[in-house]
Structures are given as C-alpha cells and as structure tokens.
Amino acid sequence: MQVLDRKMENLKKTVADVLVTTCPACIIQLSYGVRRHGLRVEVKHLTEVL
C-alpha cells in the first residue's frame, strides 16, 4: 500500500486525466488507488487509447 500511495501522490502532482498501462494487474491496482484517493483519473489499457 505504501508503494501505491506514493504513486497516487505523484499522480496528484500531474494534470493527467488518463493513466495508461499495459499490465492488467497494474490496471486493477491503479484503479483501486485512484478510487481510494478520490482522483478523477481514468485508468486504461494501452489498446483502449490506441
């Protein structure tokens, strides 16, 4: 959870609307972090963006 919290704190410092990854496990974990921190960021797989 400490690693995820650190990632979410770094994400808060950006103006990103979308967070993109190719790892299905990361999508699950990052989506949880976004919800947990109340961020308005979409987590998507790279193929969804392309």
C-alpha atoms as a PDB file:
ATOM      1  CA  MET A   1       0.000   0.000   0.000  1.00  0.00           C
ATOM      2  CA  GLN A   2       2.909   2.354   0.628  1.00  0.00           C
ATOM      3  CA  VAL A   3       4.075   1.966  -2.969  1.00  0.00           C
ATOM      4  CA  LEU A   4       0.550   2.570  -4.276  1.00  0.00           C
ATOM      5  CA  ASP A   5       0.101   5.611  -2.031  1.00  0.00           C
ATOM      6  CA  ARG A   6       3.391   7.044  -3.308  1.00  0.00           C
ATOM      7  CA  LYS A   7       2.259   6.515  -6.904  1.00  0.00           C
ATOM      8  CA  MET A   8      -1.042   8.262  -6.197  1.00  0.00           C
ATOM      9  CA  GLU A   9       0.730  11.207  -4.553  1.00  0.00           C
ATOM     10  CA  ASN A  10       2.909  11.544  -7.662  1.00  0.00           C
ATOM     11  CA  LEU A  11      -0.161  11.263  -9.879  1.00  0.00           C
ATOM     12  CA  LYS A  12      -1.829  14.100  -7.928  1.00  0.00           C
ATOM     13  CA  LYS A  13       1.110  16.348  -8.886  1.00  0.00           C
ATOM     14  CA  THR A  14       0.295  15.943 -12.581  1.00  0.00           C
ATOM     15  CA  VAL A  15      -2.630  17.291 -14.594  1.00  0.00           C
ATOM     16  CA  ALA A  16      -3.265  13.870 -16.123  1.00  0.00           C
ATOM     17  CA  ASP A  17      -6.820  12.863 -16.983  1.00  0.00           C
ATOM     18  CA  VAL A  18      -5.804   9.374 -18.100  1.00  0.00           C
ATOM     19  CA  LEU A  19      -3.301   6.887 -16.692  1.00  0.00           C
ATOM     20  CA  VAL A  20      -2.214   4.283 -19.256  1.00  0.00           C
ATOM     21  CA  THR A  21      -0.551   0.922 -18.657  1.00  0.00           C
ATOM     22  CA  THR A  22      -0.201  -2.399 -20.460  1.00  0.00           C
ATOM     23  CA  CYS A  23      -0.291  -4.552 -17.333  1.00  0.00           C
ATOM     24  CA  PRO A  24      -3.710  -5.947 -16.329  1.00  0.00           C
ATOM     25  CA  ALA A  25      -2.639  -6.310 -12.682  1.00  0.00           C
ATOM     26  CA  CYS A  26      -1.488  -2.681 -12.655  1.00  0.00           C
ATOM     27  CA  ILE A  27      -4.840  -1.573 -14.054  1.00  0.00           C
ATOM     28  CA  ILE A  28      -6.563  -3.222 -11.095  1.00  0.00           C
ATOM     29  CA  GLN A  29      -4.154  -1.801  -8.520  1.00  0.00           C
ATOM     30  CA  LEU A  30      -4.016   1.707 -10.005  1.00  0.00           C
ATOM     31  CA  SER A  31      -7.802   1.831 -10.383  1.00  0.00           C
ATOM     32  CA  TYR A  32      -8.106   0.968  -6.710  1.00  0.00           C
ATOM     33  CA  GLY A  33      -5.604   3.704  -5.806  1.00  0.00           C
ATOM     34  CA  VAL A  34      -7.458   6.279  -7.894  1.00  0.00           C
ATOM     35  CA  ARG A  35     -10.750   5.406  -6.156  1.00  0.00           C
ATOM     36  CA  ARG A  36      -9.119   5.290  -2.719  1.00  0.00           C
ATOM     37  CA  HIS A  37      -7.610   8.748  -3.163  1.00  0.00           C
ATOM     38  CA  GLY A  38     -10.708  10.225  -4.796  1.00  0.00           C
ATOM     39  CA  LEU A  39      -8.923  11.197  -8.001  1.00  0.00           C
ATOM     40  CA  ARG A  40     -10.759  11.982 -11.218  1.00  0.00           C
ATOM     41  CA  VAL A  41      -8.398   9.991 -13.439  1.00  0.00           C
ATOM     42  CA  GLU A  42      -9.292   7.207 -15.852  1.00  0.00           C
ATOM     43  CA  VAL A  43      -7.065   4.121 -15.803  1.00  0.00           C
ATOM     44  CA  LYS A  44      -6.884   2.487 -19.226  1.00  0.00           C
ATOM     45  CA  HIS A  45      -5.035  -0.210 -21.091  1.00  0.00           C
ATOM     46  CA  LEU A  46      -2.848   0.990 -23.944  1.00  0.00           C
ATOM     47  CA  THR A  47      -5.071  -0.726 -26.526  1.00  0.00           C
ATOM     48  CA  GLU A  48      -8.042   1.330 -25.312  1.00  0.00           C
ATOM     49  CA  VAL A  49      -6.128   4.522 -26.035  1.00  0.00           C
ATOM     50  CA  LEU A  50      -4.805   3.454 -29.420  1.00  0.00           C
END
